Structure formats: structure tokens, C-alpha cells
Amino acid sequence: MSENSVSARAAAWPASRGARGVARTWAAPSFRRRLQLGLAAIWLLDAVLQLQSFMFGKGFSQMLAGMAAGNPGFIADPITWSARLVADHPTWANAAFASVQLFLAVGIAWRPAVKVALAASIPWALGVWWVGEGLGGVLAGTANPVMGGPGAVIIYALLAVLLWPTDRDGPFEAARPFGATPARLLWLILWGSLAWFAIGPASRASQAMRNMIAGMASGEPGWLASLDRNAANLVAGQGTTVAVVLAAVLSLVAAGVFLPVPGARAALVLAVVVAAVIWVVGENLGGILTGSGTDPNTGPLLILLAAAHWPATRRKAIP
């Protein structure tokens, strides 16, 4: 054995042993695994935010009750019932919510439980999308991508599907479970819906964008509130123009994944830039600095989704 190979073995960490006593060394996680860990980190942040003191008072139940506004009765009634349940038992309800989110975070991060946790996250995300986000305002006519429409939590479910552990190969990570075309179609549907909501009646009124951004300043740190006020002044009276331009950009992002690799990468970079700008200016980092935010909103999830669609050089499939 060469001196170099001996040194390499000595430097390996940690030197654990399998069931047959064969030495095993730590290996850096694959790109897919890092994406899964990114999703786990966001679930962990959700669990931590759920333990804020605000959640154990009347504020959280009132926030939930507000999601019923504008929705059809069959959607609004379960939201109202859930809000009353939380109002009657705030401690137990919030402890349960935080525990589920912590379970999902730890389960996704712990490789033996990743499939169970990802599978469990899908119905949980759909339930929260209904009860906690009022379906993102889709049926109420208030969904707006700058404010997080059509709801952040639906993207958790989408990522759980696209990041499912698999030995199949693909041109990008999101393509591996079911193929490139279904993954691209899901991207098209999501970003196409963002473009559609960007030019909805709630978004294209002359002062709509200005009022939405200005309204986010309350409770934020000074630097972020100042950024909101400046951005609101910049788009004052330009709601229709901003809505049309934003819809056009979102449409380019939606269709861009069908382009050849250089064009697809350009579209994905644009998606990351748009998601980052919306996350800071429109979503105010999900309100996590106000003491009442429940999640980081869509920005980080859209960036994670873009990474999952990034065309990569050929490499061995690692679940």
C-alpha cells in the first residue's frame, strides 16, 4: 500500500464500523441530500417560530380566523372551527404544531426516516395550506406572489415529492423521481400560477402594490421598514405597470426550464433573483423578525426548488 493511500485512510473521519466490522468513513452528502437537508432546515425554523410567545396568546388563533375571509363556506368553516380550537387550547395546540414540524425536520435530516418524514409532510402541508393559509387566497381572489401567494406551504409538499429518495438518474435532481417532463410541468404550473396571480384584480390596481408593500412595514426592524416605505413610494400609482412586468418575468421563468441547458440555467438564475427580491421586499423575510411570523414564506422555498431543477453534469445517482 502506498504512503498516500495510508495517509488518506488515516485522515478519514469518522472511522465507524458496520455490522460485519468493516471500516466505514464519512462521505460528504450528495447534492440531492443537501437539498433535503435544506428542506429539513426550513421545517426546523417553522418549529422554532411556532414556539414564539405570540403563538400561545390570542394572536395566532385570530391570524387563523382571518384566513377564512373571502373563502367559500366549505373552505371557511373548517378554518373557523380550527381557529376556535386553537383559541380554546392555545398551549396544547401550539405544542402539537411545533412537535409535528420538529418531527418532520428531524425525520428528513435523519436518513433512515427521510421517506417517512417526506411522506408525512405532504398531508400536513396540504392541511396547513387549507386551515393555516386559506388556500393561499386562491379562491378568495387575494393571492399575490409578492405577498407569498398562492401559499408557501404548498411548495413544501411539492419539494417532498421532487426530492423523494431514489436511485434513478436524471438531468436534474427534481427529475429523478418521475422524469424530466413531469418535473418541468410542475415548475410551469407553479410559476405560471404566480404570473397569473400577479395580474389578478387584487394586484393590478394602481395603488395595490404600493399598499401591500407599505402595509408590511409594521412591526419590522427599522432598516426593513425603511426599505418597505421606499419600495412602496417607488411603485406608488404604478400598480398596473408593475403587475404586468412582474407577470412577464414570472412567465419567462415558468417557460424557461423547457429551453436548452444554457437558457434553462439563465431562467433558473432569474428565478432565484426574483424569489430573493420578493422575499426581502414583499414578504419581509416571512415576518420572522416581527415575533409573529410562522414561516419564512415562499422565497427560500422557491430558491430551493430552483436548485432542484438546476441542470448538472452527469454524476452517479445517490438517493
C-alpha atoms as a PDB file:
ATOM      1  CA  MET A   1       0.000   0.000   0.000  1.00  0.00           C
ATOM      2  CA  SER A   2       1.345   3.416  -0.967  1.00  0.00           C
ATOM      3  CA  GLU A   3       2.158   6.128   1.555  1.00  0.00           C
ATOM      4  CA  ASN A   4      -0.513   8.365   0.034  1.00  0.00           C
ATOM      5  CA  SER A   5      -3.275   5.786   0.451  1.00  0.00           C
ATOM      6  CA  VAL A   6      -2.238   5.151   4.068  1.00  0.00           C
ATOM      7  CA  SER A   7      -2.385   8.877   4.812  1.00  0.00           C
ATOM      8  CA  ALA A   8      -5.761   9.169   3.174  1.00  0.00           C
ATOM      9  CA  ARG A   9      -7.160   6.336   5.266  1.00  0.00           C
ATOM     10  CA  ALA A  10      -5.692   7.834   8.445  1.00  0.00           C
ATOM     11  CA  ALA A  11      -7.294  11.192   7.679  1.00  0.00           C
ATOM     12  CA  ALA A  12     -10.755   9.742   7.055  1.00  0.00           C
ATOM     13  CA  TRP A  13     -13.376  10.720   9.641  1.00  0.00           C
ATOM     14  CA  PRO A  14     -15.208   9.248  11.432  1.00  0.00           C
ATOM     15  CA  ALA A  15     -13.834   5.704  11.407  1.00  0.00           C
ATOM     16  CA  SER A  16     -17.020   3.783  12.284  1.00  0.00           C
ATOM     17  CA  ARG A  17     -17.620   0.085  11.704  1.00  0.00           C
ATOM     18  CA  GLY A  18     -20.542  -1.647  10.072  1.00  0.00           C
ATOM     19  CA  ALA A  19     -22.304  -4.815  11.179  1.00  0.00           C
ATOM     20  CA  ARG A  20     -19.502  -7.021   9.807  1.00  0.00           C
ATOM     21  CA  GLY A  21     -16.750  -4.953  11.363  1.00  0.00           C
ATOM     22  CA  VAL A  22     -15.789  -3.346   8.047  1.00  0.00           C
ATOM     23  CA  ALA A  23     -14.454   0.185   8.485  1.00  0.00           C
ATOM     24  CA  ARG A  24     -16.688   2.903   7.062  1.00  0.00           C
ATOM     25  CA  THR A  25     -15.695   6.511   6.543  1.00  0.00           C
ATOM     26  CA  TRP A  26     -17.779   9.654   6.380  1.00  0.00           C
ATOM     27  CA  ALA A  27     -18.647  10.914   2.917  1.00  0.00           C
ATOM     28  CA  ALA A  28     -19.911  14.350   2.005  1.00  0.00           C
ATOM     29  CA  PRO A  29     -23.668  14.370   1.309  1.00  0.00           C
ATOM     30  CA  SER A  30     -24.751  14.332  -2.305  1.00  0.00           C
ATOM     31  CA  PHE A  31     -26.325  17.407  -3.878  1.00  0.00           C
ATOM     32  CA  ARG A  32     -29.754  15.776  -3.530  1.00  0.00           C
ATOM     33  CA  ARG A  33     -29.124  15.087   0.134  1.00  0.00           C
ATOM     34  CA  ARG A  34     -28.100  18.708   0.688  1.00  0.00           C
ATOM     35  CA  LEU A  35     -31.384  19.808  -0.870  1.00  0.00           C
ATOM     36  CA  GLN A  36     -33.250  17.503   1.508  1.00  0.00           C
ATOM     37  CA  LEU A  37     -31.296  18.954   4.438  1.00  0.00           C
ATOM     38  CA  GLY A  38     -32.202  22.448   3.240  1.00  0.00           C
ATOM     39  CA  LEU A  39     -35.872  21.471   3.369  1.00  0.00           C
ATOM     40  CA  ALA A  40     -35.327  19.999   6.836  1.00  0.00           C
ATOM     41  CA  ALA A  41     -33.769  23.279   7.985  1.00  0.00           C
ATOM     42  CA  ILE A  42     -36.838  25.229   6.853  1.00  0.00           C
ATOM     43  CA  TRP A  43     -39.133  22.831   8.712  1.00  0.00           C
ATOM     44  CA  LEU A  44     -36.940  23.282  11.796  1.00  0.00           C
ATOM     45  CA  LEU A  45     -37.255  27.061  11.503  1.00  0.00           C
ATOM     46  CA  ASP A  46     -41.030  26.648  11.323  1.00  0.00           C
ATOM     47  CA  ALA A  47     -40.971  24.614  14.541  1.00  0.00           C
ATOM     48  CA  VAL A  48     -38.905  27.271  16.319  1.00  0.00           C
ATOM     49  CA  LEU A  49     -41.210  30.057  15.113  1.00  0.00           C
ATOM     50  CA  GLN A  50     -44.212  28.094  16.362  1.00  0.00           C
ATOM     51  CA  LEU A  51     -42.778  28.324  19.894  1.00  0.00           C
ATOM     52  CA  GLN A  52     -42.797  32.128  19.977  1.00  0.00           C
ATOM     53  CA  SER A  53     -44.825  33.656  22.804  1.00  0.00           C
ATOM     54  CA  PHE A  54     -47.175  35.251  20.264  1.00  0.00           C
ATOM     55  CA  MET A  55     -48.372  31.801  19.237  1.00  0.00           C
ATOM     56  CA  PHE A  56     -49.537  30.986  22.763  1.00  0.00           C
ATOM     57  CA  GLY A  57     -51.771  34.034  23.026  1.00  0.00           C
ATOM     58  CA  LYS A  58     -54.840  35.156  21.098  1.00  0.00           C
ATOM     59  CA  GLY A  59     -52.826  36.422  18.142  1.00  0.00           C
ATOM     60  CA  PHE A  60     -52.289  33.068  16.463  1.00  0.00           C
ATOM     61  CA  SER A  61     -55.931  31.969  16.633  1.00  0.00           C
ATOM     62  CA  GLN A  62     -57.000  35.381  15.335  1.00  0.00           C
ATOM     63  CA  MET A  63     -54.497  35.028  12.494  1.00  0.00           C
ATOM     64  CA  LEU A  64     -56.025  31.659  11.589  1.00  0.00           C
ATOM     65  CA  ALA A  65     -59.573  33.018  11.772  1.00  0.00           C
ATOM     66  CA  GLY A  66     -58.609  35.777   9.354  1.00  0.00           C
ATOM     67  CA  MET A  67     -57.777  33.184   6.703  1.00  0.00           C
ATOM     68  CA  ALA A  68     -61.470  32.350   6.350  1.00  0.00           C
ATOM     69  CA  ALA A  69     -62.330  35.777   4.932  1.00  0.00           C
ATOM     70  CA  GLY A  70     -63.425  35.719   1.301  1.00  0.00           C
ATOM     71  CA  ASN A  71     -63.340  31.924   1.004  1.00  0.00           C
ATOM     72  CA  PRO A  72     -66.384  29.768   0.148  1.00  0.00           C
ATOM     73  CA  GLY A  73     -68.215  28.349   3.128  1.00  0.00           C
ATOM     74  CA  PHE A  74     -66.939  24.803   2.713  1.00  0.00           C
ATOM     75  CA  ILE A  75     -63.389  26.171   2.904  1.00  0.00           C
ATOM     76  CA  ALA A  76     -64.002  28.863   5.527  1.00  0.00           C
ATOM     77  CA  ASP A  77     -65.959  26.756   8.052  1.00  0.00           C
ATOM     78  CA  PRO A  78     -63.113  24.301   8.880  1.00  0.00           C
ATOM     79  CA  ILE A  79     -60.742  27.278   9.192  1.00  0.00           C
ATOM     80  CA  THR A  80     -63.076  28.980  11.676  1.00  0.00           C
ATOM     81  CA  TRP A  81     -63.513  25.752  13.639  1.00  0.00           C
ATOM     82  CA  SER A  82     -59.751  25.228  13.824  1.00  0.00           C
ATOM     83  CA  ALA A  83     -59.201  28.814  14.958  1.00  0.00           C
ATOM     84  CA  ARG A  84     -61.700  28.319  17.791  1.00  0.00           C
ATOM     85  CA  LEU A  85     -59.993  25.086  18.804  1.00  0.00           C
ATOM     86  CA  VAL A  86     -56.632  26.843  18.967  1.00  0.00           C
ATOM     87  CA  ALA A  87     -58.171  29.755  20.899  1.00  0.00           C
ATOM     88  CA  ASP A  88     -59.602  27.337  23.488  1.00  0.00           C
ATOM     89  CA  HIS A  89     -56.395  25.304  23.852  1.00  0.00           C
ATOM     90  CA  PRO A  90     -53.511  27.542  22.736  1.00  0.00           C
ATOM     91  CA  THR A  91     -50.771  25.789  24.692  1.00  0.00           C
ATOM     92  CA  TRP A  92     -51.593  22.263  23.619  1.00  0.00           C
ATOM     93  CA  ALA A  93     -52.393  23.254  20.047  1.00  0.00           C
ATOM     94  CA  ASN A  94     -49.161  25.168  19.506  1.00  0.00           C
ATOM     95  CA  ALA A  95     -47.109  22.496  21.237  1.00  0.00           C
ATOM     96  CA  ALA A  96     -48.658  19.927  18.881  1.00  0.00           C
ATOM     97  CA  PHE A  97     -47.963  22.053  15.801  1.00  0.00           C
ATOM     98  CA  ALA A  98     -44.369  22.652  16.835  1.00  0.00           C
ATOM     99  CA  SER A  99     -43.866  18.956  17.629  1.00  0.00           C
ATOM    100  CA  VAL A 100     -45.096  17.863  14.200  1.00  0.00           C
ATOM    101  CA  GLN A 101     -42.834  20.348  12.450  1.00  0.00           C
ATOM    102  CA  LEU A 102     -39.894  19.253  14.593  1.00  0.00           C
ATOM    103  CA  PHE A 103     -40.624  15.619  13.761  1.00  0.00           C
ATOM    104  CA  LEU A 104     -40.642  16.445  10.059  1.00  0.00           C
ATOM    105  CA  ALA A 105     -37.370  18.376  10.327  1.00  0.00           C
ATOM    106  CA  VAL A 106     -35.555  15.661  12.263  1.00  0.00           C
ATOM    107  CA  GLY A 107     -37.046  12.893  10.138  1.00  0.00           C
ATOM    108  CA  ILE A 108     -35.913  14.455   6.869  1.00  0.00           C
ATOM    109  CA  ALA A 109     -32.462  15.152   8.322  1.00  0.00           C
ATOM    110  CA  TRP A 110     -32.083  11.568   9.649  1.00  0.00           C
ATOM    111  CA  ARG A 111     -31.519   9.390   6.607  1.00  0.00           C
ATOM    112  CA  PRO A 112     -33.305   6.222   7.894  1.00  0.00           C
ATOM    113  CA  ALA A 113     -36.509   8.249   8.437  1.00  0.00           C
ATOM    114  CA  VAL A 114     -36.372  10.507   5.386  1.00  0.00           C
ATOM    115  CA  LYS A 115     -39.048   8.685   3.391  1.00  0.00           C
ATOM    116  CA  VAL A 116     -41.454   8.533   6.325  1.00  0.00           C
ATOM    117  CA  ALA A 117     -40.943  12.218   7.095  1.00  0.00           C
ATOM    118  CA  LEU A 118     -41.276  13.356   3.486  1.00  0.00           C
ATOM    119  CA  ALA A 119     -44.437  11.288   3.062  1.00  0.00           C
ATOM    120  CA  ALA A 120     -45.894  12.681   6.308  1.00  0.00           C
ATOM    121  CA  SER A 121     -45.049  16.228   5.302  1.00  0.00           C
ATOM    122  CA  ILE A 122     -47.342  16.106   2.264  1.00  0.00           C
ATOM    123  CA  PRO A 123     -50.742  15.706   4.020  1.00  0.00           C
ATOM    124  CA  TRP A 124     -49.557  18.014   6.815  1.00  0.00           C
ATOM    125  CA  ALA A 125     -48.604  20.694   4.295  1.00  0.00           C
ATOM    126  CA  LEU A 126     -51.909  20.347   2.456  1.00  0.00           C
ATOM    127  CA  GLY A 127     -53.810  20.627   5.734  1.00  0.00           C
ATOM    128  CA  VAL A 128     -51.900  23.722   6.778  1.00  0.00           C
ATOM    129  CA  TRP A 129     -52.396  25.206   3.315  1.00  0.00           C
ATOM    130  CA  TRP A 130     -56.133  24.906   3.869  1.00  0.00           C
ATOM    131  CA  VAL A 131     -56.502  25.749   7.558  1.00  0.00           C
ATOM    132  CA  GLY A 132     -53.450  27.930   8.095  1.00  0.00           C
ATOM    133  CA  GLU A 133     -53.258  29.793   4.777  1.00  0.00           C
ATOM    134  CA  GLY A 134     -56.825  29.690   3.466  1.00  0.00           C
ATOM    135  CA  LEU A 135     -55.537  28.001   0.288  1.00  0.00           C
ATOM    136  CA  GLY A 136     -53.225  30.958  -0.175  1.00  0.00           C
ATOM    137  CA  GLY A 137     -56.105  33.264  -1.123  1.00  0.00           C
ATOM    138  CA  VAL A 138     -56.606  31.414  -4.422  1.00  0.00           C
ATOM    139  CA  LEU A 139     -60.395  31.111  -4.036  1.00  0.00           C
ATOM    140  CA  ALA A 140     -60.717  34.422  -2.208  1.00  0.00           C
ATOM    141  CA  GLY A 141     -59.173  36.322  -5.110  1.00  0.00           C
ATOM    142  CA  THR A 142     -56.402  37.770  -2.930  1.00  0.00           C
ATOM    143  CA  ALA A 143     -53.433  35.607  -3.954  1.00  0.00           C
ATOM    144  CA  ASN A 144     -50.419  37.704  -4.899  1.00  0.00           C
ATOM    145  CA  PRO A 145     -46.886  36.365  -5.481  1.00  0.00           C
ATOM    146  CA  VAL A 146     -45.305  39.418  -3.864  1.00  0.00           C
ATOM    147  CA  MET A 147     -47.123  38.628  -0.626  1.00  0.00           C
ATOM    148  CA  GLY A 148     -46.498  34.881  -0.763  1.00  0.00           C
ATOM    149  CA  GLY A 149     -49.451  33.688  -2.830  1.00  0.00           C
ATOM    150  CA  PRO A 150     -50.568  31.031  -3.595  1.00  0.00           C
ATOM    151  CA  GLY A 151     -49.182  29.977  -0.216  1.00  0.00           C
ATOM    152  CA  ALA A 152     -45.753  28.855   0.915  1.00  0.00           C
ATOM    153  CA  VAL A 153     -46.742  25.574   2.469  1.00  0.00           C
ATOM    154  CA  ILE A 154     -47.926  24.041  -0.823  1.00  0.00           C
ATOM    155  CA  ILE A 155     -44.306  24.274  -2.005  1.00  0.00           C
ATOM    156  CA  TYR A 156     -43.225  22.119   0.956  1.00  0.00           C
ATOM    157  CA  ALA A 157     -45.430  19.339  -0.425  1.00  0.00           C
ATOM    158  CA  LEU A 158     -44.081  19.848  -3.937  1.00  0.00           C
ATOM    159  CA  LEU A 159     -40.483  19.638  -2.703  1.00  0.00           C
ATOM    160  CA  ALA A 160     -41.269  16.479  -0.720  1.00  0.00           C
ATOM    161  CA  VAL A 161     -42.365  14.822  -3.969  1.00  0.00           C
ATOM    162  CA  LEU A 162     -39.490  16.081  -6.111  1.00  0.00           C
ATOM    163  CA  LEU A 163     -36.798  15.315  -3.505  1.00  0.00           C
ATOM    164  CA  TRP A 164     -38.039  11.787  -2.790  1.00  0.00           C
ATOM    165  CA  PRO A 165     -35.046   9.413  -2.338  1.00  0.00           C
ATOM    166  CA  THR A 166     -34.490   7.376  -5.478  1.00  0.00           C
ATOM    167  CA  ASP A 167     -31.753   5.513  -7.319  1.00  0.00           C
ATOM    168  CA  ARG A 168     -32.983   6.745 -10.682  1.00  0.00           C
ATOM    169  CA  ASP A 169     -30.830   9.183 -12.601  1.00  0.00           C
ATOM    170  CA  GLY A 170     -31.975  12.349 -14.317  1.00  0.00           C
ATOM    171  CA  PRO A 171     -30.787  15.575 -15.951  1.00  0.00           C
ATOM    172  CA  PHE A 172     -31.515  17.456 -12.704  1.00  0.00           C
ATOM    173  CA  GLU A 173     -32.451  16.427  -9.187  1.00  0.00           C
ATOM    174  CA  ALA A 174     -36.176  17.213  -9.410  1.00  0.00           C
ATOM    175  CA  ALA A 175     -36.410  14.946 -12.478  1.00  0.00           C
ATOM    176  CA  ARG A 176     -35.166  11.814 -10.759  1.00  0.00           C
ATOM    177  CA  PRO A 177     -38.353  10.501  -9.086  1.00  0.00           C
ATOM    178  CA  PHE A 178     -40.732  10.735 -12.089  1.00  0.00           C
ATOM    179  CA  GLY A 179     -38.759  12.089 -15.032  1.00  0.00           C
ATOM    180  CA  ALA A 180     -37.820  15.443 -16.501  1.00  0.00           C
ATOM    181  CA  THR A 181     -41.120  16.266 -18.209  1.00  0.00           C
ATOM    182  CA  PRO A 182     -43.352  15.901 -15.100  1.00  0.00           C
ATOM    183  CA  ALA A 183     -40.853  17.926 -13.053  1.00  0.00           C
ATOM    184  CA  ARG A 184     -40.784  20.692 -15.659  1.00  0.00           C
ATOM    185  CA  LEU A 185     -44.580  20.683 -15.886  1.00  0.00           C
ATOM    186  CA  LEU A 186     -44.866  21.101 -12.119  1.00  0.00           C
ATOM    187  CA  TRP A 187     -42.439  24.020 -12.345  1.00  0.00           C
ATOM    188  CA  LEU A 188     -44.511  25.504 -15.184  1.00  0.00           C
ATOM    189  CA  ILE A 189     -47.748  25.166 -13.217  1.00  0.00           C
ATOM    190  CA  LEU A 190     -46.292  26.774 -10.094  1.00  0.00           C
ATOM    191  CA  TRP A 191     -44.528  29.705 -11.744  1.00  0.00           C
ATOM    192  CA  GLY A 192     -47.319  30.090 -14.294  1.00  0.00           C
ATOM    193  CA  SER A 193     -49.784  30.451 -11.434  1.00  0.00           C
ATOM    194  CA  LEU A 194     -47.533  33.104  -9.887  1.00  0.00           C
ATOM    195  CA  ALA A 195     -47.664  35.012 -13.181  1.00  0.00           C
ATOM    196  CA  TRP A 196     -51.443  34.655 -13.309  1.00  0.00           C
ATOM    197  CA  PHE A 197     -51.930  35.916  -9.765  1.00  0.00           C
ATOM    198  CA  ALA A 198     -49.556  38.816 -10.436  1.00  0.00           C
ATOM    199  CA  ILE A 199     -52.075  40.340 -12.862  1.00  0.00           C
ATOM    200  CA  GLY A 200     -55.192  39.488 -10.851  1.00  0.00           C
ATOM    201  CA  PRO A 201     -57.621  42.230  -9.789  1.00  0.00           C
ATOM    202  CA  ALA A 202     -56.077  42.366  -6.305  1.00  0.00           C
ATOM    203  CA  SER A 203     -52.652  43.042  -7.800  1.00  0.00           C
ATOM    204  CA  ARG A 204     -53.078  45.350 -10.782  1.00  0.00           C
ATOM    205  CA  ALA A 205     -54.973  48.272  -9.201  1.00  0.00           C
ATOM    206  CA  SER A 206     -52.930  51.467  -9.399  1.00  0.00           C
ATOM    207  CA  GLN A 207     -52.161  51.568  -5.662  1.00  0.00           C
ATOM    208  CA  ALA A 208     -52.394  47.843  -4.938  1.00  0.00           C
ATOM    209  CA  MET A 209     -48.673  47.092  -4.925  1.00  0.00           C
ATOM    210  CA  ARG A 210     -47.863  50.251  -3.004  1.00  0.00           C
ATOM    211  CA  ASN A 211     -50.434  49.494  -0.294  1.00  0.00           C
ATOM    212  CA  MET A 212     -49.357  45.861   0.069  1.00  0.00           C
ATOM    213  CA  ILE A 213     -45.677  46.702   0.480  1.00  0.00           C
ATOM    214  CA  ALA A 214     -46.291  49.660   2.782  1.00  0.00           C
ATOM    215  CA  GLY A 215     -48.532  47.525   4.976  1.00  0.00           C
ATOM    216  CA  MET A 216     -45.689  45.115   5.650  1.00  0.00           C
ATOM    217  CA  ALA A 217     -43.587  47.735   7.463  1.00  0.00           C
ATOM    218  CA  SER A 218     -45.496  47.473  10.735  1.00  0.00           C
ATOM    219  CA  GLY A 219     -43.547  45.591  13.404  1.00  0.00           C
ATOM    220  CA  GLU A 220     -40.417  45.200  11.301  1.00  0.00           C
ATOM    221  CA  PRO A 221     -36.921  46.403  12.303  1.00  0.00           C
ATOM    222  CA  GLY A 222     -36.140  49.969  11.236  1.00  0.00           C
ATOM    223  CA  TRP A 223     -33.949  49.049   8.276  1.00  0.00           C
ATOM    224  CA  LEU A 224     -36.552  46.707   6.813  1.00  0.00           C
ATOM    225  CA  ALA A 225     -39.448  49.064   7.471  1.00  0.00           C
ATOM    226  CA  SER A 226     -37.494  51.842   5.749  1.00  0.00           C
ATOM    227  CA  LEU A 227     -36.885  49.564   2.777  1.00  0.00           C
ATOM    228  CA  ASP A 228     -40.628  48.849   2.615  1.00  0.00           C
ATOM    229  CA  ARG A 229     -41.536  52.525   2.665  1.00  0.00           C
ATOM    230  CA  ASN A 230     -39.020  53.379  -0.063  1.00  0.00           C
ATOM    231  CA  ALA A 231     -40.170  50.475  -2.234  1.00  0.00           C
ATOM    232  CA  ALA A 232     -43.814  51.442  -1.683  1.00  0.00           C
ATOM    233  CA  ASN A 233     -43.113  55.022  -2.753  1.00  0.00           C
ATOM    234  CA  LEU A 234     -41.267  53.754  -5.820  1.00  0.00           C
ATOM    235  CA  VAL A 235     -44.289  51.801  -7.100  1.00  0.00           C
ATOM    236  CA  ALA A 236     -46.964  54.281  -5.977  1.00  0.00           C
ATOM    237  CA  GLY A 237     -49.517  54.721  -8.732  1.00  0.00           C
ATOM    238  CA  GLN A 238     -47.721  52.142 -10.891  1.00  0.00           C
ATOM    239  CA  GLY A 239     -49.628  49.051  -9.798  1.00  0.00           C
ATOM    240  CA  THR A 240     -50.763  48.040 -13.270  1.00  0.00           C
ATOM    241  CA  THR A 241     -47.337  48.517 -14.846  1.00  0.00           C
ATOM    242  CA  VAL A 242     -45.579  46.647 -12.054  1.00  0.00           C
ATOM    243  CA  ALA A 243     -48.114  43.815 -12.222  1.00  0.00           C
ATOM    244  CA  VAL A 244     -47.697  43.382 -15.989  1.00  0.00           C
ATOM    245  CA  VAL A 245     -43.893  43.497 -15.854  1.00  0.00           C
ATOM    246  CA  LEU A 246     -43.814  41.049 -12.939  1.00  0.00           C
ATOM    247  CA  ALA A 247     -46.199  38.686 -14.738  1.00  0.00           C
ATOM    248  CA  ALA A 248     -43.987  38.786 -17.846  1.00  0.00           C
ATOM    249  CA  VAL A 249     -40.870  37.985 -15.819  1.00  0.00           C
ATOM    250  CA  LEU A 250     -42.612  35.154 -13.970  1.00  0.00           C
ATOM    251  CA  SER A 251     -43.839  33.757 -17.286  1.00  0.00           C
ATOM    252  CA  LEU A 252     -40.283  33.714 -18.623  1.00  0.00           C
ATOM    253  CA  VAL A 253     -39.181  31.824 -15.539  1.00  0.00           C
ATOM    254  CA  ALA A 254     -42.083  29.384 -15.893  1.00  0.00           C
ATOM    255  CA  ALA A 255     -41.297  28.514 -19.508  1.00  0.00           C
ATOM    256  CA  GLY A 256     -37.518  28.778 -19.204  1.00  0.00           C
ATOM    257  CA  VAL A 257     -36.950  25.263 -17.869  1.00  0.00           C
ATOM    258  CA  PHE A 258     -38.005  23.876 -21.266  1.00  0.00           C
ATOM    259  CA  LEU A 259     -35.147  25.675 -23.012  1.00  0.00           C
ATOM    260  CA  PRO A 260     -31.762  24.089 -23.804  1.00  0.00           C
ATOM    261  CA  VAL A 261     -29.394  23.927 -20.858  1.00  0.00           C
ATOM    262  CA  PRO A 262     -27.883  27.457 -21.177  1.00  0.00           C
ATOM    263  CA  GLY A 263     -31.338  29.033 -21.450  1.00  0.00           C
ATOM    264  CA  ALA A 264     -32.727  26.893 -18.634  1.00  0.00           C
ATOM    265  CA  ARG A 265     -29.877  27.920 -16.351  1.00  0.00           C
ATOM    266  CA  ALA A 266     -30.476  31.588 -17.176  1.00  0.00           C
ATOM    267  CA  ALA A 267     -34.165  31.163 -16.314  1.00  0.00           C
ATOM    268  CA  LEU A 268     -33.292  29.473 -13.022  1.00  0.00           C
ATOM    269  CA  VAL A 269     -30.883  32.266 -12.097  1.00  0.00           C
ATOM    270  CA  LEU A 270     -33.663  34.749 -12.850  1.00  0.00           C
ATOM    271  CA  ALA A 271     -35.993  32.680 -10.646  1.00  0.00           C
ATOM    272  CA  VAL A 272     -33.530  32.890  -7.748  1.00  0.00           C
ATOM    273  CA  VAL A 273     -33.149  36.671  -8.165  1.00  0.00           C
ATOM    274  CA  VAL A 274     -36.914  37.214  -8.321  1.00  0.00           C
ATOM    275  CA  ALA A 275     -37.528  34.953  -5.319  1.00  0.00           C
ATOM    276  CA  ALA A 276     -34.843  36.753  -3.292  1.00  0.00           C
ATOM    277  CA  VAL A 277     -36.211  40.218  -4.127  1.00  0.00           C
ATOM    278  CA  ILE A 278     -39.778  39.179  -3.313  1.00  0.00           C
ATOM    279  CA  TRP A 279     -38.623  37.544  -0.082  1.00  0.00           C
ATOM    280  CA  VAL A 280     -36.952  40.738   1.143  1.00  0.00           C
ATOM    281  CA  VAL A 281     -39.192  43.483  -0.214  1.00  0.00           C
ATOM    282  CA  GLY A 282     -42.623  41.881  -0.436  1.00  0.00           C
ATOM    283  CA  GLU A 283     -42.533  39.123   2.154  1.00  0.00           C
ATOM    284  CA  ASN A 284     -40.182  40.834   4.635  1.00  0.00           C
ATOM    285  CA  LEU A 285     -38.331  37.550   5.249  1.00  0.00           C
ATOM    286  CA  GLY A 286     -41.677  35.969   6.073  1.00  0.00           C
ATOM    287  CA  GLY A 287     -42.144  38.303   9.024  1.00  0.00           C
ATOM    288  CA  ILE A 288     -39.783  36.206  11.118  1.00  0.00           C
ATOM    289  CA  LEU A 289     -38.289  39.347  12.696  1.00  0.00           C
ATOM    290  CA  THR A 290     -41.654  40.588  13.995  1.00  0.00           C
ATOM    291  CA  GLY A 291     -42.150  37.877  16.617  1.00  0.00           C
ATOM    292  CA  SER A 292     -45.336  36.670  14.925  1.00  0.00           C
ATOM    293  CA  GLY A 293     -44.096  35.043  11.705  1.00  0.00           C
ATOM    294  CA  THR A 294     -44.984  31.376  11.290  1.00  0.00           C
ATOM    295  CA  ASP A 295     -42.628  30.523   8.415  1.00  0.00           C
ATOM    296  CA  PRO A 296     -40.096  32.180   6.085  1.00  0.00           C
ATOM    297  CA  ASN A 297     -42.722  32.323   3.287  1.00  0.00           C
ATOM    298  CA  THR A 298     -42.108  31.380  -0.333  1.00  0.00           C
ATOM    299  CA  GLY A 299     -38.706  32.975  -1.029  1.00  0.00           C
ATOM    300  CA  PRO A 300     -36.346  30.292   0.343  1.00  0.00           C
ATOM    301  CA  LEU A 301     -38.601  27.501  -0.931  1.00  0.00           C
ATOM    302  CA  LEU A 302     -38.604  28.873  -4.472  1.00  0.00           C
ATOM    303  CA  ILE A 303     -34.815  29.143  -4.359  1.00  0.00           C
ATOM    304  CA  LEU A 304     -34.564  25.544  -3.129  1.00  0.00           C
ATOM    305  CA  LEU A 305     -36.906  24.468  -5.911  1.00  0.00           C
ATOM    306  CA  ALA A 306     -34.748  26.269  -8.480  1.00  0.00           C
ATOM    307  CA  ALA A 307     -31.686  24.438  -7.183  1.00  0.00           C
ATOM    308  CA  ALA A 308     -33.533  21.131  -7.577  1.00  0.00           C
ATOM    309  CA  HIS A 309     -34.154  21.965 -11.264  1.00  0.00           C
ATOM    310  CA  TRP A 310     -30.577  23.058 -11.985  1.00  0.00           C
ATOM    311  CA  PRO A 311     -29.164  21.086 -14.948  1.00  0.00           C
ATOM    312  CA  ALA A 312     -25.985  19.390 -13.811  1.00  0.00           C
ATOM    313  CA  THR A 313     -23.166  17.400 -15.282  1.00  0.00           C
ATOM    314  CA  ARG A 314     -23.692  13.661 -15.297  1.00  0.00           C
ATOM    315  CA  ARG A 315     -22.998  12.027 -11.980  1.00  0.00           C
ATOM    316  CA  LYS A 316     -23.831   8.786 -10.259  1.00  0.00           C
ATOM    317  CA  ALA A 317     -27.339   8.766  -8.801  1.00  0.00           C
ATOM    318  CA  ILE A 318     -27.249   8.908  -4.998  1.00  0.00           C
ATOM    319  CA  PRO A 319     -30.575   8.975  -3.138  1.00  0.00           C
END
